[in-house]
Amino acid sequence: MPNIEAYDTEVYPINPSSSEAVFGYEFVDSVQETDADLAFCCVPGPFD
């Protein structure tokens, strides 16, 4: 996610379970609340 800061457009992190922010971008509850053209799905990797 750190390299998303270089992306030159709006960023909408989606997380219905949070009202906070990530890298300065506030979470929204649903992709339907955005005008996004492209979506990235991010999941955590396995913990060793």
Protein backbone atom coordinates (compact mmCIF):
# COMPACT_ATOMS: atom_id res chain seq x y z
CA MET A 1 0.00 0.00 0.00
CA PRO A 2 2.81 2.56 0.50
CA ASN A 3 3.33 2.87 -3.27
CA ILE A 4 -0.34 3.87 -3.72
CA GLU A 5 0.68 7.33 -2.47
CA ALA A 6 2.35 7.91 -5.85
CA TYR A 7 -0.92 7.20 -7.70
CA ASP A 8 -2.12 10.48 -9.21
CA THR A 9 -5.89 10.23 -8.68
CA GLU A 10 -8.46 9.61 -5.96
CA VAL A 11 -7.93 6.57 -3.73
CA TYR A 12 -10.84 4.97 -1.87
CA PRO A 13 -9.87 2.34 0.71
CA ILE A 14 -12.96 0.19 1.35
CA ASN A 15 -13.51 -1.23 4.83
CA PRO A 16 -17.04 -1.43 6.25
CA SER A 17 -15.60 -2.32 9.68
CA SER A 18 -13.54 0.85 10.16
CA SER A 19 -14.10 4.57 10.42
CA GLU A 20 -10.40 5.44 10.46
CA ALA A 21 -7.88 6.08 7.67
CA VAL A 22 -4.87 4.48 6.02
CA PHE A 23 -2.01 6.58 4.61
CA GLY A 24 -4.26 9.63 5.03
CA TYR A 25 -7.16 8.17 3.01
CA GLU A 26 -10.42 7.76 4.93
CA PHE A 27 -12.18 4.40 4.65
CA VAL A 28 -15.56 4.21 2.94
CA ASP A 29 -18.10 1.48 3.64
CA SER A 30 -18.74 0.29 0.08
CA VAL A 31 -17.35 0.60 -3.42
CA GLN A 32 -20.82 1.84 -4.36
CA GLU A 33 -19.98 5.06 -2.48
CA THR A 34 -17.16 5.84 -4.94
CA ASP A 35 -16.75 6.70 -8.59
CA ALA A 36 -13.81 4.32 -8.95
CA ASP A 37 -12.84 2.91 -12.36
CA LEU A 38 -10.32 0.40 -11.03
CA ALA A 39 -10.19 -1.75 -7.89
CA PHE A 40 -7.30 -3.49 -6.12
CA CYS A 41 -8.10 -6.27 -3.67
CA CYS A 42 -5.54 -6.50 -0.88
CA VAL A 43 -5.38 -9.23 1.72
CA PRO A 44 -2.75 -9.80 4.39
CA GLY A 45 -0.06 -12.36 3.73
CA PRO A 46 0.58 -15.34 5.97
CA PHE A 47 2.26 -14.68 9.29
CA ASP A 48 5.38 -16.71 9.99
